[in-house]
Amino acid sequence: MEYEEIIKKLESLRNEENIRGQERFGIKSNKSYGIRMPEIRKIAKEVGHNHNIAVQLWNQGYHESKILAFMVEEKDKFTEEQLDSWIKDFDSWDVVDQACINFLRHVDFAINKIPEWAESDEEFIKRTAFSLIAVLAVHEKGESDDYFRKYYPLIKDASCDNRNFVKKSVNWAIRQIGKRNLVLNREAIDLSNEILENNCKASRWIGKNALKELQSEKVQSKLT
């Protein structure tokens, strides 16, 4: 599937109602087709992995083309300079999360940037740090507990950031770490209580929300 065919396909699937629906879920983009994720995944499967097409899709600048770019990018051709450029154009929570789920968790130099991103003043760059931690906690089954413990200070330091898409990703990171095993569950509960002691608006929301899930019968039963 060539780039021109992809764009024609995206344009044919444009849905104005879905664009309005995206806004209700906090997805705001100046350029969007309003295409649902199953359709984007279907296109990605037809395209396969192609670095040149990924770059073209990213440069096209539409909400869906950015998500698709990370789905079809080739890991061995993706550069750190490219990442530094692309991340500046992250403009919605789902572009961030899909980038982490579909691609960034496989890229070592992206994972190494988590501490840097966690201190960013840009909301979506900072979200990338904690969304990536959450995604790693879900998918990296073979990693040790210590691999995730190193992120505790970052999580605690960010817990008073009241920006919506930051605090939600910080909360997501704690919850996913705490659902890996009983040891990390106890530590994540302790961390959530420490965050509550920060006594700021964001930390109260993050801590209470995390504790509600981590201490729930469902999670405890699964871990035991």
N, C-alpha and C. Protein backbone atom coordinates (compact mmCIF):
# COMPACT_ATOMS: atom_id res chain seq x y z
N MET A 1 0.85 -1.19 0.00
CA MET A 1 0.00 0.00 0.00
C MET A 1 0.88 1.24 0.00
N GLU A 2 0.74 2.07 -0.99
CA GLU A 2 1.57 3.27 -1.12
C GLU A 2 0.97 4.43 -0.33
N TYR A 3 1.80 5.44 -0.09
CA TYR A 3 1.39 6.58 0.72
C TYR A 3 0.12 7.24 0.17
N GLU A 4 0.10 7.47 -1.14
CA GLU A 4 -1.06 8.14 -1.75
C GLU A 4 -2.34 7.33 -1.53
N GLU A 5 -2.23 6.00 -1.59
CA GLU A 5 -3.38 5.14 -1.36
C GLU A 5 -3.86 5.25 0.09
N ILE A 6 -2.90 5.34 0.99
CA ILE A 6 -3.24 5.46 2.41
C ILE A 6 -4.02 6.73 2.67
N ILE A 7 -3.55 7.83 2.11
CA ILE A 7 -4.23 9.12 2.31
C ILE A 7 -5.64 9.07 1.73
N LYS A 8 -5.79 8.49 0.55
CA LYS A 8 -7.12 8.36 -0.04
C LYS A 8 -8.03 7.52 0.86
N LYS A 9 -7.46 6.47 1.43
CA LYS A 9 -8.24 5.62 2.33
C LYS A 9 -8.66 6.40 3.58
N LEU A 10 -7.74 7.14 4.15
CA LEU A 10 -8.06 7.94 5.33
C LEU A 10 -9.15 8.97 5.03
N GLU A 11 -9.01 9.61 3.89
CA GLU A 11 -10.00 10.62 3.50
C GLU A 11 -11.38 10.00 3.27
N SER A 12 -11.39 8.78 2.73
CA SER A 12 -12.67 8.12 2.47
C SER A 12 -13.39 7.72 3.76
N LEU A 13 -12.62 7.57 4.84
CA LEU A 13 -13.19 7.15 6.12
C LEU A 13 -13.52 8.33 7.04
N ARG A 14 -13.31 9.52 6.57
CA ARG A 14 -13.56 10.72 7.38
C ARG A 14 -14.98 10.71 7.94
N ASN A 15 -15.09 11.03 9.24
CA ASN A 15 -16.38 10.97 9.91
C ASN A 15 -16.52 12.19 10.83
N GLU A 16 -17.35 13.13 10.43
CA GLU A 16 -17.49 14.37 11.19
C GLU A 16 -18.08 14.12 12.58
N GLU A 17 -18.98 13.16 12.68
CA GLU A 17 -19.58 12.85 13.98
C GLU A 17 -18.52 12.33 14.95
N ASN A 18 -17.63 11.49 14.44
CA ASN A 18 -16.56 10.97 15.29
C ASN A 18 -15.59 12.06 15.71
N ILE A 19 -15.36 13.04 14.84
CA ILE A 19 -14.49 14.16 15.21
C ILE A 19 -15.08 14.89 16.42
N ARG A 20 -16.38 15.12 16.39
CA ARG A 20 -17.04 15.76 17.53
C ARG A 20 -16.98 14.85 18.75
N GLY A 21 -17.09 13.55 18.52
CA GLY A 21 -17.01 12.60 19.62
C GLY A 21 -15.63 12.58 20.27
N GLN A 22 -14.58 12.73 19.46
CA GLN A 22 -13.23 12.78 19.99
C GLN A 22 -13.06 13.93 20.98
N GLU A 23 -13.67 15.04 20.66
CA GLU A 23 -13.57 16.22 21.53
C GLU A 23 -14.18 15.96 22.90
N ARG A 24 -15.21 15.14 22.93
CA ARG A 24 -15.84 14.81 24.23
C ARG A 24 -14.92 13.96 25.08
N PHE A 25 -13.99 13.26 24.45
CA PHE A 25 -13.03 12.45 25.19
C PHE A 25 -11.69 13.16 25.36
N GLY A 26 -11.69 14.46 25.18
CA GLY A 26 -10.48 15.24 25.41
C GLY A 26 -9.47 15.16 24.29
N ILE A 27 -9.89 14.68 23.13
CA ILE A 27 -8.99 14.59 21.97
C ILE A 27 -9.27 15.79 21.07
N LYS A 28 -8.37 16.73 21.10
CA LYS A 28 -8.56 17.95 20.31
C LYS A 28 -7.40 18.08 19.33
N SER A 29 -7.74 18.13 18.07
CA SER A 29 -6.72 18.25 17.04
C SER A 29 -7.23 19.17 15.94
N ASN A 30 -6.35 20.01 15.43
CA ASN A 30 -6.74 20.89 14.34
C ASN A 30 -6.97 20.12 13.05
N LYS A 31 -6.37 18.92 12.97
CA LYS A 31 -6.47 18.11 11.76
C LYS A 31 -6.81 16.67 12.14
N SER A 32 -8.04 16.29 11.90
CA SER A 32 -8.47 14.93 12.25
C SER A 32 -9.47 14.42 11.23
N TYR A 33 -9.43 13.10 11.00
CA TYR A 33 -10.40 12.47 10.12
C TYR A 33 -11.56 11.86 10.90
N GLY A 34 -11.39 11.71 12.21
CA GLY A 34 -12.44 11.09 13.00
C GLY A 34 -12.55 9.60 12.75
N ILE A 35 -11.42 8.93 12.57
CA ILE A 35 -11.42 7.49 12.26
C ILE A 35 -11.16 6.69 13.53
N ARG A 36 -11.93 5.65 13.74
CA ARG A 36 -11.78 4.82 14.94
C ARG A 36 -10.56 3.91 14.83
N MET A 37 -10.07 3.49 16.01
CA MET A 37 -8.83 2.70 16.08
C MET A 37 -8.89 1.39 15.29
N PRO A 38 -9.99 0.63 15.29
CA PRO A 38 -9.99 -0.61 14.51
C PRO A 38 -9.68 -0.38 13.03
N GLU A 39 -10.17 0.73 12.48
CA GLU A 39 -9.90 1.04 11.07
C GLU A 39 -8.43 1.42 10.87
N ILE A 40 -7.87 2.16 11.82
CA ILE A 40 -6.46 2.54 11.73
C ILE A 40 -5.58 1.29 11.80
N ARG A 41 -5.91 0.38 12.69
CA ARG A 41 -5.14 -0.87 12.81
C ARG A 41 -5.22 -1.69 11.53
N LYS A 42 -6.40 -1.68 10.90
CA LYS A 42 -6.58 -2.43 9.66
C LYS A 42 -5.69 -1.86 8.55
N ILE A 43 -5.62 -0.54 8.48
CA ILE A 43 -4.74 0.09 7.48
C ILE A 43 -3.28 -0.24 7.78
N ALA A 44 -2.90 -0.17 9.06
CA ALA A 44 -1.52 -0.46 9.45
C ALA A 44 -1.13 -1.88 9.04
N LYS A 45 -2.05 -2.80 9.18
CA LYS A 45 -1.79 -4.19 8.81
C LYS A 45 -1.56 -4.31 7.31
N GLU A 46 -2.31 -3.56 6.52
CA GLU A 46 -2.14 -3.58 5.06
C GLU A 46 -0.82 -2.96 4.64
N VAL A 47 -0.40 -1.91 5.37
CA VAL A 47 0.84 -1.21 5.03
C VAL A 47 2.07 -2.03 5.42
N GLY A 48 2.02 -2.67 6.58
CA GLY A 48 3.20 -3.34 7.09
C GLY A 48 4.14 -2.32 7.72
N HIS A 49 5.44 -2.61 7.73
CA HIS A 49 6.41 -1.69 8.31
C HIS A 49 7.20 -1.02 7.19
N ASN A 50 7.18 0.31 7.21
CA ASN A 50 7.83 1.06 6.14
C ASN A 50 8.24 2.43 6.69
N HIS A 51 9.54 2.64 6.84
CA HIS A 51 10.06 3.87 7.44
C HIS A 51 9.68 5.10 6.64
N ASN A 52 9.83 5.05 5.34
CA ASN A 52 9.55 6.22 4.51
C ASN A 52 8.09 6.63 4.59
N ILE A 53 7.20 5.64 4.58
CA ILE A 53 5.78 5.94 4.71
C ILE A 53 5.48 6.51 6.09
N ALA A 54 6.13 5.97 7.12
CA ALA A 54 5.93 6.48 8.48
C ALA A 54 6.28 7.97 8.56
N VAL A 55 7.39 8.34 7.97
CA VAL A 55 7.82 9.74 7.98
C VAL A 55 6.81 10.61 7.23
N GLN A 56 6.35 10.13 6.09
CA GLN A 56 5.36 10.89 5.31
C GLN A 56 4.06 11.07 6.09
N LEU A 57 3.64 10.01 6.75
CA LEU A 57 2.41 10.07 7.53
C LEU A 57 2.54 11.05 8.69
N TRP A 58 3.68 11.03 9.35
CA TRP A 58 3.89 11.96 10.46
C TRP A 58 3.87 13.40 9.96
N ASN A 59 4.55 13.63 8.88
CA ASN A 59 4.63 14.99 8.33
C ASN A 59 3.28 15.48 7.80
N GLN A 60 2.39 14.53 7.46
CA GLN A 60 1.07 14.93 7.00
C GLN A 60 0.30 15.63 8.11
N GLY A 61 0.60 15.25 9.36
CA GLY A 61 0.14 16.03 10.49
C GLY A 61 -1.26 15.82 10.99
N TYR A 62 -1.97 14.83 10.45
CA TYR A 62 -3.31 14.55 10.94
C TYR A 62 -3.23 13.66 12.18
N HIS A 63 -4.25 13.77 13.00
CA HIS A 63 -4.32 12.97 14.23
C HIS A 63 -4.12 11.48 13.94
N GLU A 64 -4.88 10.97 12.99
CA GLU A 64 -4.81 9.54 12.67
C GLU A 64 -3.51 9.17 11.97
N SER A 65 -2.97 10.07 11.16
CA SER A 65 -1.73 9.74 10.44
C SER A 65 -0.56 9.66 11.42
N LYS A 66 -0.62 10.43 12.51
CA LYS A 66 0.43 10.35 13.53
C LYS A 66 0.39 9.00 14.25
N ILE A 67 -0.82 8.57 14.60
CA ILE A 67 -0.96 7.26 15.25
C ILE A 67 -0.48 6.16 14.31
N LEU A 68 -0.88 6.26 13.05
CA LEU A 68 -0.51 5.27 12.05
C LEU A 68 1.00 5.25 11.81
N ALA A 69 1.63 6.40 11.88
CA ALA A 69 3.08 6.49 11.65
C ALA A 69 3.84 5.60 12.62
N PHE A 70 3.44 5.62 13.90
CA PHE A 70 4.13 4.77 14.88
C PHE A 70 3.80 3.30 14.71
N MET A 71 2.67 3.00 14.10
CA MET A 71 2.31 1.60 13.86
C MET A 71 3.12 0.98 12.73
N VAL A 72 3.53 1.80 11.76
CA VAL A 72 4.22 1.25 10.58
C VAL A 72 5.71 1.56 10.57
N GLU A 73 6.19 2.33 11.55
CA GLU A 73 7.62 2.66 11.59
C GLU A 73 8.48 1.42 11.79
N GLU A 74 9.70 1.48 11.29
CA GLU A 74 10.66 0.39 11.44
C GLU A 74 11.63 0.73 12.56
N LYS A 75 11.73 -0.16 13.53
CA LYS A 75 12.53 0.10 14.72
C LYS A 75 14.00 0.38 14.38
N ASP A 76 14.56 -0.37 13.45
CA ASP A 76 15.99 -0.23 13.17
C ASP A 76 16.32 1.01 12.35
N LYS A 77 15.30 1.69 11.83
CA LYS A 77 15.53 2.92 11.07
C LYS A 77 15.11 4.18 11.82
N PHE A 78 14.49 3.98 12.95
CA PHE A 78 14.02 5.09 13.78
C PHE A 78 15.20 5.64 14.57
N THR A 79 15.39 6.95 14.54
CA THR A 79 16.55 7.55 15.19
C THR A 79 16.15 8.39 16.40
N GLU A 80 17.13 8.64 17.25
CA GLU A 80 16.89 9.48 18.42
C GLU A 80 16.53 10.90 18.00
N GLU A 81 17.17 11.39 16.95
CA GLU A 81 16.86 12.73 16.44
C GLU A 81 15.42 12.81 15.95
N GLN A 82 14.97 11.74 15.31
CA GLN A 82 13.59 11.67 14.84
C GLN A 82 12.62 11.70 16.01
N LEU A 83 12.94 10.94 17.05
CA LEU A 83 12.10 10.92 18.25
C LEU A 83 12.02 12.31 18.88
N ASP A 84 13.16 12.97 19.02
CA ASP A 84 13.18 14.31 19.62
C ASP A 84 12.35 15.29 18.81
N SER A 85 12.31 15.11 17.51
CA SER A 85 11.50 15.97 16.65
C SER A 85 10.02 15.63 16.76
N TRP A 86 9.70 14.36 16.67
CA TRP A 86 8.29 13.94 16.67
C TRP A 86 7.59 14.25 17.99
N ILE A 87 8.31 14.05 19.10
CA ILE A 87 7.64 14.20 20.40
C ILE A 87 7.19 15.64 20.63
N LYS A 88 7.84 16.58 19.98
CA LYS A 88 7.43 17.99 20.09
C LYS A 88 6.05 18.23 19.47
N ASP A 89 5.63 17.31 18.60
CA ASP A 89 4.34 17.45 17.93
C ASP A 89 3.25 16.59 18.55
N PHE A 90 3.55 15.95 19.69
CA PHE A 90 2.50 15.21 20.40
C PHE A 90 1.46 16.22 20.88
N ASP A 91 0.20 16.01 20.49
CA ASP A 91 -0.83 17.00 20.81
C ASP A 91 -2.11 16.40 21.36
N SER A 92 -2.10 15.11 21.68
CA SER A 92 -3.28 14.50 22.30
C SER A 92 -2.85 13.27 23.09
N TRP A 93 -3.64 12.94 24.10
CA TRP A 93 -3.28 11.83 24.98
C TRP A 93 -3.25 10.51 24.24
N ASP A 94 -4.13 10.33 23.24
CA ASP A 94 -4.17 9.02 22.58
C ASP A 94 -3.02 8.85 21.59
N VAL A 95 -2.54 9.94 20.99
CA VAL A 95 -1.32 9.83 20.17
C VAL A 95 -0.17 9.38 21.05
N VAL A 96 -0.06 9.98 22.24
CA VAL A 96 0.98 9.59 23.19
C VAL A 96 0.88 8.12 23.54
N ASP A 97 -0.31 7.71 23.96
CA ASP A 97 -0.48 6.34 24.46
C ASP A 97 -0.30 5.30 23.36
N GLN A 98 -0.80 5.59 22.17
CA GLN A 98 -0.63 4.65 21.07
C GLN A 98 0.84 4.56 20.64
N ALA A 99 1.55 5.67 20.70
CA ALA A 99 2.98 5.65 20.39
C ALA A 99 3.71 4.75 21.38
N CYS A 100 3.36 4.85 22.66
CA CYS A 100 4.00 4.03 23.68
C CYS A 100 3.66 2.55 23.51
N ILE A 101 2.38 2.26 23.27
CA ILE A 101 1.92 0.88 23.16
C ILE A 101 2.47 0.20 21.92
N ASN A 102 2.43 0.89 20.79
CA ASN A 102 2.76 0.26 19.52
C ASN A 102 4.23 0.30 19.16
N PHE A 103 4.98 1.22 19.77
CA PHE A 103 6.35 1.39 19.29
C PHE A 103 7.40 1.73 20.35
N LEU A 104 7.17 2.77 21.14
CA LEU A 104 8.23 3.29 22.00
C LEU A 104 8.70 2.29 23.05
N ARG A 105 7.83 1.40 23.48
CA ARG A 105 8.24 0.40 24.48
C ARG A 105 9.30 -0.57 23.93
N HIS A 106 9.46 -0.58 22.61
CA HIS A 106 10.46 -1.45 21.98
C HIS A 106 11.77 -0.72 21.70
N VAL A 107 11.83 0.58 22.01
CA VAL A 107 12.97 1.40 21.63
C VAL A 107 13.76 1.81 22.88
N ASP A 108 14.97 1.28 23.01
CA ASP A 108 15.76 1.51 24.22
C ASP A 108 16.03 2.99 24.46
N PHE A 109 16.37 3.74 23.42
CA PHE A 109 16.71 5.14 23.67
C PHE A 109 15.47 5.96 24.05
N ALA A 110 14.28 5.48 23.70
CA ALA A 110 13.06 6.14 24.16
C ALA A 110 12.85 5.87 25.65
N ILE A 111 13.02 4.63 26.05
CA ILE A 111 12.89 4.27 27.47
C ILE A 111 13.89 5.04 28.32
N ASN A 112 15.09 5.23 27.80
CA ASN A 112 16.12 5.96 28.53
C ASN A 112 15.78 7.43 28.72
N LYS A 113 14.86 7.94 27.91
CA LYS A 113 14.48 9.35 28.01
C LYS A 113 13.37 9.60 29.03
N ILE A 114 12.87 8.55 29.66
CA ILE A 114 11.78 8.72 30.63
C ILE A 114 12.12 9.76 31.71
N PRO A 115 13.30 9.70 32.35
CA PRO A 115 13.60 10.71 33.38
C PRO A 115 13.61 12.13 32.82
N GLU A 116 14.12 12.30 31.61
CA GLU A 116 14.14 13.62 30.98
C GLU A 116 12.72 14.10 30.70
N TRP A 117 11.91 13.25 30.11
CA TRP A 117 10.54 13.63 29.78
C TRP A 117 9.72 13.91 31.03
N ALA A 118 10.00 13.20 32.12
CA ALA A 118 9.24 13.35 33.36
C ALA A 118 9.40 14.76 33.95
N GLU A 119 10.41 15.49 33.53
CA GLU A 119 10.64 16.84 34.03
C GLU A 119 10.23 17.91 33.02
N SER A 120 9.64 17.49 31.92
CA SER A 120 9.28 18.44 30.87
C SER A 120 8.15 19.38 31.31
N ASP A 121 8.19 20.60 30.81
CA ASP A 121 7.10 21.55 31.04
C ASP A 121 5.94 21.32 30.08
N GLU A 122 6.18 20.55 29.02
CA GLU A 122 5.14 20.28 28.03
C GLU A 122 4.25 19.13 28.49
N GLU A 123 2.95 19.37 28.51
CA GLU A 123 2.02 18.39 29.08
C GLU A 123 2.10 17.03 28.41
N PHE A 124 2.14 16.99 27.09
CA PHE A 124 2.10 15.69 26.42
C PHE A 124 3.46 14.99 26.40
N ILE A 125 4.53 15.76 26.48
CA ILE A 125 5.84 15.13 26.62
C ILE A 125 5.95 14.50 28.01
N LYS A 126 5.49 15.23 29.02
CA LYS A 126 5.53 14.68 30.38
C LYS A 126 4.62 13.46 30.48
N ARG A 127 3.47 13.52 29.83
CA ARG A 127 2.59 12.35 29.84
C ARG A 127 3.29 11.14 29.23
N THR A 128 4.09 11.36 28.19
CA THR A 128 4.77 10.25 27.54
C THR A 128 5.62 9.46 28.53
N ALA A 129 6.29 10.16 29.44
CA ALA A 129 7.13 9.48 30.42
C ALA A 129 6.33 8.47 31.23
N PHE A 130 5.20 8.91 31.76
CA PHE A 130 4.44 8.05 32.67
C PHE A 130 3.55 7.05 31.94
N SER A 131 3.09 7.41 30.76
CA SER A 131 2.37 6.42 29.94
C SER A 131 3.30 5.29 29.54
N LEU A 132 4.55 5.63 29.24
CA LEU A 132 5.50 4.60 28.84
C LEU A 132 5.83 3.69 30.02
N ILE A 133 5.94 4.25 31.22
CA ILE A 133 6.15 3.42 32.41
C ILE A 133 4.98 2.45 32.58
N ALA A 134 3.76 2.96 32.42
CA ALA A 134 2.58 2.11 32.56
C ALA A 134 2.57 1.00 31.53
N VAL A 135 2.89 1.33 30.30
CA VAL A 135 2.90 0.34 29.22
C VAL A 135 3.98 -0.71 29.46
N LEU A 136 5.14 -0.28 29.92
CA LEU A 136 6.21 -1.23 30.23
C LEU A 136 5.77 -2.16 31.35
N ALA A 137 5.07 -1.64 32.33
CA ALA A 137 4.61 -2.47 33.45
C ALA A 137 3.64 -3.55 32.98
N VAL A 138 2.86 -3.24 31.95
CA VAL A 138 1.91 -4.21 31.41
C VAL A 138 2.61 -5.26 30.56
N HIS A 139 3.53 -4.83 29.71
CA HIS A 139 4.04 -5.71 28.67
C HIS A 139 5.38 -6.38 28.97
N GLU A 140 6.19 -5.77 29.81
CA GLU A 140 7.53 -6.34 30.06
C GLU A 140 7.46 -7.33 31.22
N LYS A 141 6.91 -8.49 30.93
CA LYS A 141 6.66 -9.50 31.96
C LYS A 141 7.94 -10.01 32.62
N GLY A 142 9.04 -10.02 31.87
CA GLY A 142 10.28 -10.60 32.39
C GLY A 142 11.14 -9.66 33.20
N GLU A 143 10.77 -8.39 33.27
CA GLU A 143 11.60 -7.43 34.01
C GLU A 143 11.47 -7.63 35.51
N SER A 144 12.55 -7.31 36.23
CA SER A 144 12.58 -7.47 37.68
C SER A 144 11.79 -6.36 38.36
N ASP A 145 11.52 -6.55 39.64
CA ASP A 145 10.85 -5.52 40.42
C ASP A 145 11.70 -4.25 40.48
N ASP A 146 13.00 -4.41 40.58
CA ASP A 146 13.90 -3.25 40.66
C ASP A 146 13.81 -2.37 39.41
N TYR A 147 13.52 -2.99 38.28
CA TYR A 147 13.38 -2.23 37.03
C TYR A 147 12.32 -1.13 37.20
N PHE A 148 11.27 -1.41 37.93
CA PHE A 148 10.18 -0.46 38.10
C PHE A 148 10.36 0.41 39.34
N ARG A 149 11.09 -0.08 40.33
CA ARG A 149 11.32 0.72 41.54
C ARG A 149 12.05 2.02 41.22
N LYS A 150 12.87 2.02 40.20
CA LYS A 150 13.63 3.24 39.89
C LYS A 150 12.74 4.38 39.44
N TYR A 151 11.48 4.06 39.10
CA TYR A 151 10.56 5.09 38.66
C TYR A 151 9.76 5.71 39.80
N TYR A 152 9.85 5.15 41.01
CA TYR A 152 9.08 5.67 42.13
C TYR A 152 9.35 7.16 42.40
N PRO A 153 10.63 7.60 42.45
CA PRO A 153 10.87 9.04 42.70
C PRO A 153 10.27 9.93 41.63
N LEU A 154 10.30 9.49 40.37
CA LEU A 154 9.71 10.29 39.28
C LEU A 154 8.22 10.42 39.47
N ILE A 155 7.58 9.32 39.85
CA ILE A 155 6.14 9.32 40.06
C ILE A 155 5.77 10.25 41.21
N LYS A 156 6.51 10.15 42.30
CA LYS A 156 6.22 10.99 43.47
C LYS A 156 6.44 12.46 43.15
N ASP A 157 7.51 12.76 42.45
CA ASP A 157 7.82 14.16 42.12
C ASP A 157 6.76 14.78 41.21
N ALA A 158 6.15 13.95 40.36
CA ALA A 158 5.16 14.48 39.40
C ALA A 158 3.74 14.50 39.96
N SER A 159 3.57 14.03 41.17
CA SER A 159 2.21 13.81 41.68
C SER A 159 1.46 15.09 42.02
N CYS A 160 2.12 16.24 42.02
CA CYS A 160 1.41 17.50 42.27
C CYS A 160 1.16 18.28 40.98
N ASP A 161 1.46 17.65 39.85
CA ASP A 161 1.16 18.28 38.56
C ASP A 161 -0.32 18.08 38.27
N ASN A 162 -1.09 19.15 38.34
CA ASN A 162 -2.54 19.03 38.23
C ASN A 162 -3.06 19.04 36.80
N ARG A 163 -2.17 19.08 35.81
CA ARG A 163 -2.64 19.03 34.43
C ARG A 163 -3.27 17.67 34.16
N ASN A 164 -4.44 17.70 33.55
CA ASN A 164 -5.28 16.51 33.44
C ASN A 164 -4.55 15.30 32.87
N PHE A 165 -3.86 15.50 31.75
CA PHE A 165 -3.27 14.35 31.06
C PHE A 165 -1.96 13.90 31.68
N VAL A 166 -1.40 14.73 32.54
CA VAL A 166 -0.22 14.31 33.31
C VAL A 166 -0.67 13.48 34.51
N LYS A 167 -1.58 14.03 35.30
CA LYS A 167 -1.97 13.32 36.53
C LYS A 167 -2.60 11.96 36.22
N LYS A 168 -3.33 11.88 35.10
CA LYS A 168 -3.92 10.59 34.73
C LYS A 168 -2.86 9.57 34.35
N SER A 169 -1.79 10.01 33.71
CA SER A 169 -0.72 9.08 33.33
C SER A 169 0.11 8.67 34.55
N VAL A 170 0.31 9.59 35.48
CA VAL A 170 1.02 9.26 36.73
C VAL A 170 0.22 8.20 37.49
N ASN A 171 -1.07 8.40 37.57
CA ASN A 171 -1.95 7.43 38.22
C ASN A 171 -1.92 6.08 37.51
N TRP A 172 -1.92 6.12 36.19
CA TRP A 172 -1.87 4.89 35.39
C TRP A 172 -0.58 4.13 35.67
N ALA A 173 0.53 4.84 35.76
CA ALA A 173 1.82 4.20 36.02
C ALA A 173 1.82 3.48 37.37
N ILE A 174 1.33 4.15 38.41
CA ILE A 174 1.28 3.51 39.73
C ILE A 174 0.42 2.25 39.70
N ARG A 175 -0.75 2.37 39.11
CA ARG A 175 -1.69 1.25 39.11
C ARG A 175 -1.13 0.04 38.36
N GLN A 176 -0.48 0.29 37.22
CA GLN A 176 0.03 -0.84 36.45
C GLN A 176 1.24 -1.50 37.13
N ILE A 177 2.09 -0.71 37.74
CA ILE A 177 3.19 -1.30 38.51
C ILE A 177 2.63 -2.14 39.65
N GLY A 178 1.62 -1.61 40.33
CA GLY A 178 1.05 -2.28 41.48
C GLY A 178 0.22 -3.50 41.17
N LYS A 179 -0.02 -3.75 39.90
CA LYS A 179 -0.77 -4.95 39.51
C LYS A 179 0.13 -6.06 38.97
N ARG A 180 1.45 -5.84 39.04
CA ARG A 180 2.37 -6.86 38.52
C ARG A 180 2.48 -8.07 39.46
N ASN A 181 2.63 -7.81 40.74
CA ASN A 181 2.75 -8.89 41.73
C ASN A 181 2.47 -8.33 43.12
N LEU A 182 2.42 -9.20 44.10
CA LEU A 182 2.06 -8.78 45.46
C LEU A 182 3.08 -7.82 46.07
N VAL A 183 4.36 -8.07 45.82
CA VAL A 183 5.40 -7.21 46.38
C VAL A 183 5.25 -5.79 45.86
N LEU A 184 5.16 -5.66 44.54
CA LEU A 184 5.01 -4.33 43.96
C LEU A 184 3.65 -3.71 44.30
N ASN A 185 2.66 -4.56 44.51
CA ASN A 185 1.35 -4.05 44.93
C ASN A 185 1.47 -3.35 46.28
N ARG A 186 2.14 -4.00 47.23
CA ARG A 186 2.31 -3.39 48.56
C ARG A 186 3.11 -2.10 48.45
N GLU A 187 4.14 -2.11 47.61
CA GLU A 187 4.97 -0.91 47.46
C GLU A 187 4.20 0.21 46.78
N ALA A 188 3.38 -0.13 45.80
CA ALA A 188 2.58 0.88 45.11
C ALA A 188 1.53 1.47 46.05
N ILE A 189 0.99 0.65 46.93
CA ILE A 189 0.06 1.15 47.94
C ILE A 189 0.77 2.12 48.88
N ASP A 190 1.97 1.75 49.32
CA ASP A 190 2.76 2.64 50.18
C ASP A 190 3.08 3.95 49.45
N LEU A 191 3.44 3.82 48.17
CA LEU A 191 3.75 5.01 47.37
C LEU A 191 2.52 5.91 47.24
N SER A 192 1.37 5.31 47.03
CA SER A 192 0.13 6.07 46.91
C SER A 192 -0.17 6.83 48.20
N ASN A 193 0.08 6.19 49.33
CA ASN A 193 -0.14 6.86 50.61
C ASN A 193 0.86 8.00 50.82
N GLU A 194 2.09 7.81 50.37
CA GLU A 194 3.08 8.88 50.44
C GLU A 194 2.64 10.07 49.57
N ILE A 195 2.10 9.74 48.41
CA ILE A 195 1.63 10.79 47.50
C ILE A 195 0.47 11.56 48.12
N LEU A 196 -0.40 10.86 48.83
CA LEU A 196 -1.51 11.54 49.51
C LEU A 196 -1.00 12.58 50.51
N GLU A 197 0.13 12.29 51.12
CA GLU A 197 0.71 13.20 52.11
C GLU A 197 1.24 14.49 51.49
N ASN A 198 1.41 14.49 50.17
CA ASN A 198 1.83 15.73 49.51
C ASN A 198 0.76 16.80 49.64
N ASN A 199 -0.48 16.35 49.84
CA ASN A 199 -1.60 17.23 50.16
C ASN A 199 -1.79 18.37 49.15
N CYS A 200 -1.72 18.01 47.87
CA CYS A 200 -2.10 18.96 46.83
C CYS A 200 -3.25 18.33 46.05
N LYS A 201 -3.92 19.11 45.25
CA LYS A 201 -5.13 18.64 44.56
C LYS A 201 -4.86 17.41 43.71
N ALA A 202 -3.79 17.46 42.91
CA ALA A 202 -3.48 16.35 42.01
C ALA A 202 -3.10 15.10 42.80
N SER A 203 -2.27 15.27 43.84
CA SER A 203 -1.80 14.10 44.59
C SER A 203 -2.95 13.42 45.32
N ARG A 204 -3.92 14.20 45.80
CA ARG A 204 -5.08 13.57 46.46
C ARG A 204 -5.87 12.73 45.47
N TRP A 205 -6.05 13.24 44.26
CA TRP A 205 -6.78 12.47 43.24
C TRP A 205 -5.99 11.23 42.83
N ILE A 206 -4.70 11.40 42.56
CA ILE A 206 -3.86 10.29 42.12
C ILE A 206 -3.81 9.19 43.18
N GLY A 207 -3.54 9.60 44.43
CA GLY A 207 -3.40 8.63 45.50
C GLY A 207 -4.69 7.87 45.78
N LYS A 208 -5.80 8.59 45.92
CA LYS A 208 -7.08 7.94 46.23
C LYS A 208 -7.51 7.01 45.10
N ASN A 209 -7.36 7.46 43.86
CA ASN A 209 -7.76 6.64 42.72
C ASN A 209 -6.92 5.38 42.63
N ALA A 210 -5.60 5.52 42.84
CA ALA A 210 -4.72 4.36 42.78
C ALA A 210 -5.04 3.36 43.90
N LEU A 211 -5.23 3.87 45.11
CA LEU A 211 -5.54 2.99 46.24
C LEU A 211 -6.84 2.23 46.04
N LYS A 212 -7.82 2.91 45.47
CA LYS A 212 -9.12 2.26 45.24
C LYS A 212 -8.97 1.00 44.40
N GLU A 213 -8.13 1.08 43.36
CA GLU A 213 -7.95 -0.10 42.50
C GLU A 213 -6.98 -1.10 43.11
N LEU A 214 -5.85 -0.61 43.61
CA LEU A 214 -4.81 -1.53 44.10
C LEU A 214 -5.25 -2.33 45.31
N GLN A 215 -6.15 -1.75 46.12
CA GLN A 215 -6.64 -2.46 47.30
C GLN A 215 -7.97 -3.17 47.05
N SER A 216 -8.44 -3.12 45.83
CA SER A 216 -9.74 -3.73 45.52
C SER A 216 -9.68 -5.24 45.63
N GLU A 217 -10.82 -5.83 45.89
CA GLU A 217 -10.92 -7.30 46.01
C GLU A 217 -10.49 -7.96 44.69
N LYS A 218 -10.85 -7.34 43.58
CA LYS A 218 -10.52 -7.91 42.28
C LYS A 218 -9.01 -8.03 42.10
N VAL A 219 -8.29 -6.96 42.38
CA VAL A 219 -6.82 -6.97 42.19
C VAL A 219 -6.16 -7.88 43.22
N GLN A 220 -6.58 -7.78 44.47
CA GLN A 220 -5.98 -8.60 45.52
C GLN A 220 -6.20 -10.08 45.27
N SER A 221 -7.39 -10.43 44.81
CA SER A 221 -7.70 -11.82 44.53
C SER A 221 -6.83 -12.34 43.38
N LYS A 222 -6.66 -11.52 42.37
CA LYS A 222 -5.84 -11.93 41.21
C LYS A 222 -4.39 -12.14 41.61
N LEU A 223 -3.86 -11.27 42.46
CA LEU A 223 -2.45 -11.35 42.83
C LEU A 223 -2.16 -12.49 43.80
N THR A 224 -3.16 -12.88 44.60
CA THR A 224 -2.94 -13.96 45.55
C THR A 224 -3.31 -15.31 45.00
